[in-house]
Protein backbone atom coordinates (compact mmCIF):
# COMPACT_ATOMS: atom_id res chain seq x y z
CA UNK A 1 65.94 -81.99 17.56
CA UNK A 2 64.86 -84.58 15.05
CA UNK A 3 63.95 -88.23 15.70
CA UNK A 4 67.20 -89.17 13.95
CA UNK A 5 69.10 -87.15 16.58
CA UNK A 6 67.21 -88.96 19.33
CA UNK A 7 67.99 -92.35 17.84
CA UNK A 8 71.67 -91.46 17.51
CA UNK A 9 71.92 -90.25 21.13
CA UNK A 10 69.76 -92.95 22.71
CA UNK A 11 70.74 -95.93 20.58
CA UNK A 12 67.06 -96.80 20.18
CA UNK A 13 65.56 -97.42 16.77
CA UNK A 14 63.16 -94.78 15.50
CA UNK A 15 60.35 -97.34 15.54
CA UNK A 16 60.70 -97.68 19.34
CA UNK A 17 60.57 -93.93 19.82
CA UNK A 18 57.47 -93.65 17.63
CA UNK A 19 55.86 -96.63 19.36
CA UNK A 20 56.36 -95.28 22.89
CA UNK A 21 56.02 -91.54 22.28
CA UNK A 22 54.17 -91.08 18.98
CA UNK A 23 56.46 -88.27 17.81
CA UNK A 24 59.16 -85.92 19.06
CA UNK A 25 56.55 -83.83 20.86
CA UNK A 26 55.60 -86.93 22.79
CA UNK A 27 59.26 -87.32 23.75
CA UNK A 28 59.31 -83.69 24.89
CA UNK A 29 56.13 -84.16 26.93
CA UNK A 30 57.54 -87.37 28.41
CA UNK A 31 60.76 -85.61 29.38
CA UNK A 32 58.84 -82.74 30.94
CA UNK A 33 56.58 -85.17 32.77
CA UNK A 34 59.56 -87.13 34.14
CA UNK A 35 61.29 -83.94 35.23
CA UNK A 36 58.03 -82.88 36.92
CA UNK A 37 57.88 -86.17 38.83
CA UNK A 38 61.53 -85.85 39.92
CA UNK A 39 61.13 -82.20 40.88
CA UNK A 40 57.96 -82.69 42.83
CA UNK A 41 59.27 -85.72 44.67
CA UNK A 42 61.49 -83.23 46.50
CA UNK A 43 59.01 -80.35 46.32
CA UNK A 44 57.20 -79.65 49.58
CA UNK A 45 53.50 -80.10 50.05
CA UNK A 46 52.04 -77.23 52.10
CA UNK A 47 50.55 -79.77 54.51
CA UNK A 48 54.12 -80.78 55.40
CA UNK A 49 54.14 -77.65 57.54
CA UNK A 50 50.78 -78.11 59.30
CA UNK A 51 52.50 -77.90 62.70
CA UNK A 52 53.19 -74.17 62.03
CA UNK A 53 50.84 -71.22 62.47
CA UNK A 54 49.20 -70.29 59.11
CA UNK A 55 51.54 -67.47 58.07
CA UNK A 56 54.64 -69.36 59.23
CA UNK A 57 53.30 -72.44 57.41
CA UNK A 58 53.01 -70.39 54.21
CA UNK A 59 56.50 -68.92 54.65
CA UNK A 60 58.07 -72.33 55.38
CA UNK A 61 56.38 -73.84 52.31
CA UNK A 62 57.34 -70.96 50.02
CA UNK A 63 60.93 -70.88 51.31
CA UNK A 64 61.36 -74.61 50.80
CA UNK A 65 59.70 -74.52 47.37
CA UNK A 66 61.91 -71.62 46.27
CA UNK A 67 65.06 -73.39 47.48
CA UNK A 68 64.02 -76.38 45.39
CA UNK A 69 63.50 -74.15 42.34
CA UNK A 70 66.86 -72.45 42.97
CA UNK A 71 68.49 -75.88 42.73
CA UNK A 72 66.84 -76.58 39.35
CA UNK A 73 66.10 -73.23 37.70
CA UNK A 74 65.98 -74.82 34.25
CA UNK A 75 62.79 -76.66 35.21
CA UNK A 76 60.48 -73.64 35.01
CA UNK A 77 62.39 -72.15 32.07
CA UNK A 78 61.74 -75.33 30.07
CA UNK A 79 58.11 -75.40 31.19
CA UNK A 80 57.61 -71.77 30.14
CA UNK A 81 59.35 -72.25 26.80
CA UNK A 82 57.16 -75.24 26.02
CA UNK A 83 54.03 -73.47 27.29
CA UNK A 84 54.38 -70.61 24.84
CA UNK A 85 56.28 -72.37 22.05
CA UNK A 86 54.97 -73.40 18.66
CA UNK A 87 53.83 -76.81 19.89
CA UNK A 88 51.92 -75.61 22.96
CA UNK A 89 48.58 -76.72 21.54
CA UNK A 90 49.56 -80.27 20.70
CA UNK A 91 47.78 -82.77 22.93
CA UNK A 92 50.78 -84.35 24.70
CA UNK A 93 52.38 -80.98 25.47
CA UNK A 94 49.09 -79.29 26.43
CA UNK A 95 48.10 -82.16 28.76
CA UNK A 96 51.47 -82.30 30.50
CA UNK A 97 51.72 -78.53 30.93
CA UNK A 98 48.13 -78.36 32.21
CA UNK A 99 48.79 -81.08 34.80
CA UNK A 100 51.89 -79.27 36.07
CA UNK A 101 50.12 -75.89 36.19
CA UNK A 102 47.11 -77.39 37.98
CA UNK A 103 49.40 -78.99 40.56
CA UNK A 104 51.17 -75.68 41.16
CA UNK A 105 47.88 -73.82 41.49
CA UNK A 106 46.49 -76.36 43.96
CA UNK A 107 49.69 -76.05 46.04
CA UNK A 108 49.39 -72.27 46.16
CA UNK A 109 45.72 -72.53 47.14
CA UNK A 110 46.56 -75.05 49.87
CA UNK A 111 49.34 -72.80 51.20
CA UNK A 112 47.31 -69.58 51.11
CA UNK A 113 43.92 -70.75 52.36
CA UNK A 114 44.77 -70.97 56.09
CA UNK A 115 46.21 -67.43 55.95
CA UNK A 116 43.70 -65.61 53.76
CA UNK A 117 40.51 -67.65 54.02
CA UNK A 118 40.67 -69.68 57.24
CA UNK A 119 36.89 -69.63 57.59
CA UNK A 120 36.25 -70.44 53.92
CA UNK A 121 33.50 -68.54 52.22
CA UNK A 122 33.10 -67.58 48.61
CA UNK A 123 34.82 -64.20 48.94
CA UNK A 124 37.81 -65.68 50.80
CA UNK A 125 38.17 -68.50 48.29
CA UNK A 126 38.06 -65.99 45.42
CA UNK A 127 40.87 -63.95 47.01
CA UNK A 128 42.95 -67.10 47.55
CA UNK A 129 42.41 -68.14 43.95
CA UNK A 130 43.50 -64.73 42.61
CA UNK A 131 46.60 -64.63 44.85
CA UNK A 132 47.44 -68.20 43.82
CA UNK A 133 47.44 -67.05 40.19
CA UNK A 134 49.77 -64.19 41.16
CA UNK A 135 52.04 -66.61 43.01
CA UNK A 136 52.34 -68.80 39.95
CA UNK A 137 52.94 -65.73 37.80
CA UNK A 138 55.65 -64.59 40.21
CA UNK A 139 57.51 -67.89 39.93
CA UNK A 140 57.06 -67.88 36.15
CA UNK A 141 58.49 -64.36 35.96
CA UNK A 142 61.32 -65.26 38.30
CA UNK A 143 62.39 -67.99 35.92
CA UNK A 144 62.96 -65.29 33.30
CA UNK A 145 64.64 -62.96 35.82
CA UNK A 146 66.86 -65.84 36.93
CA UNK A 147 67.85 -66.59 33.36
CA UNK A 148 68.73 -62.99 32.47
CA UNK A 149 69.64 -61.35 35.77
CA UNK A 150 70.55 -64.20 38.13
CA UNK A 151 67.68 -63.35 40.50
CA UNK A 152 66.99 -66.31 42.76
CA UNK A 153 63.56 -67.53 43.74
CA UNK A 154 64.57 -67.50 47.40
CA UNK A 155 65.47 -63.81 47.27
CA UNK A 156 61.80 -62.97 46.72
CA UNK A 157 60.29 -64.96 49.60
CA UNK A 158 60.40 -62.16 52.21
CA UNK A 159 58.65 -59.67 49.93
CA UNK A 160 55.89 -62.07 48.98
CA UNK A 161 55.40 -63.15 52.61
CA UNK A 162 55.12 -59.45 53.58
CA UNK A 163 52.45 -59.00 50.93
CA UNK A 164 50.48 -61.98 52.25
CA UNK A 165 50.91 -60.76 55.85
CA UNK A 166 49.56 -57.35 54.85
CA UNK A 167 46.56 -58.88 53.12
CA UNK A 168 45.81 -61.04 56.17
CA UNK A 169 46.10 -58.03 58.49
CA UNK A 170 43.79 -56.02 56.25
CA UNK A 171 41.28 -58.87 56.28
CA UNK A 172 41.49 -59.08 60.07
CA UNK A 173 40.95 -55.31 60.47
CA UNK A 174 37.95 -55.51 58.15
CA UNK A 175 36.43 -58.30 60.23
CA UNK A 176 37.07 -56.40 63.45
CA UNK A 177 35.11 -53.31 62.41
CA UNK A 178 32.16 -55.27 61.02
CA UNK A 179 32.97 -54.57 57.33
């Protein structure tokens, strides 16, 4: 889309668009940023479920987050397209994408820590960080699966919760035998 298209659709003069956004990539970053703010206003914070036991807290957070993504599947598709597109290294796009990715990672870490690293520790935090990366990768991949195959985010919650439960049980067994 060219600036002329934006001016025609918005009714704003090109000079206003350039003044406020710098260029069309700035408009794209601004749109992504606004969508992020709208999406995450309804997106759950893991601490919203602090009254639950750790695994149930994680499951409640993931279920609610996936329901939110199911309602707006285009959000992650747009984010992914921008993240790997030809303008991914421009400052406005890079900064916006990085902020969104960092927020998502921090949410995964917050949700996983009570389950997989309740006592902290460097090893526990490293596991949480690696699983948080996998969680983000899962949701990224699901945006592609949703687009091509109609797979919903919510349909994958039980499997991912089972994986986390298994990891927690393995950790607990390892602590019980002194390993």
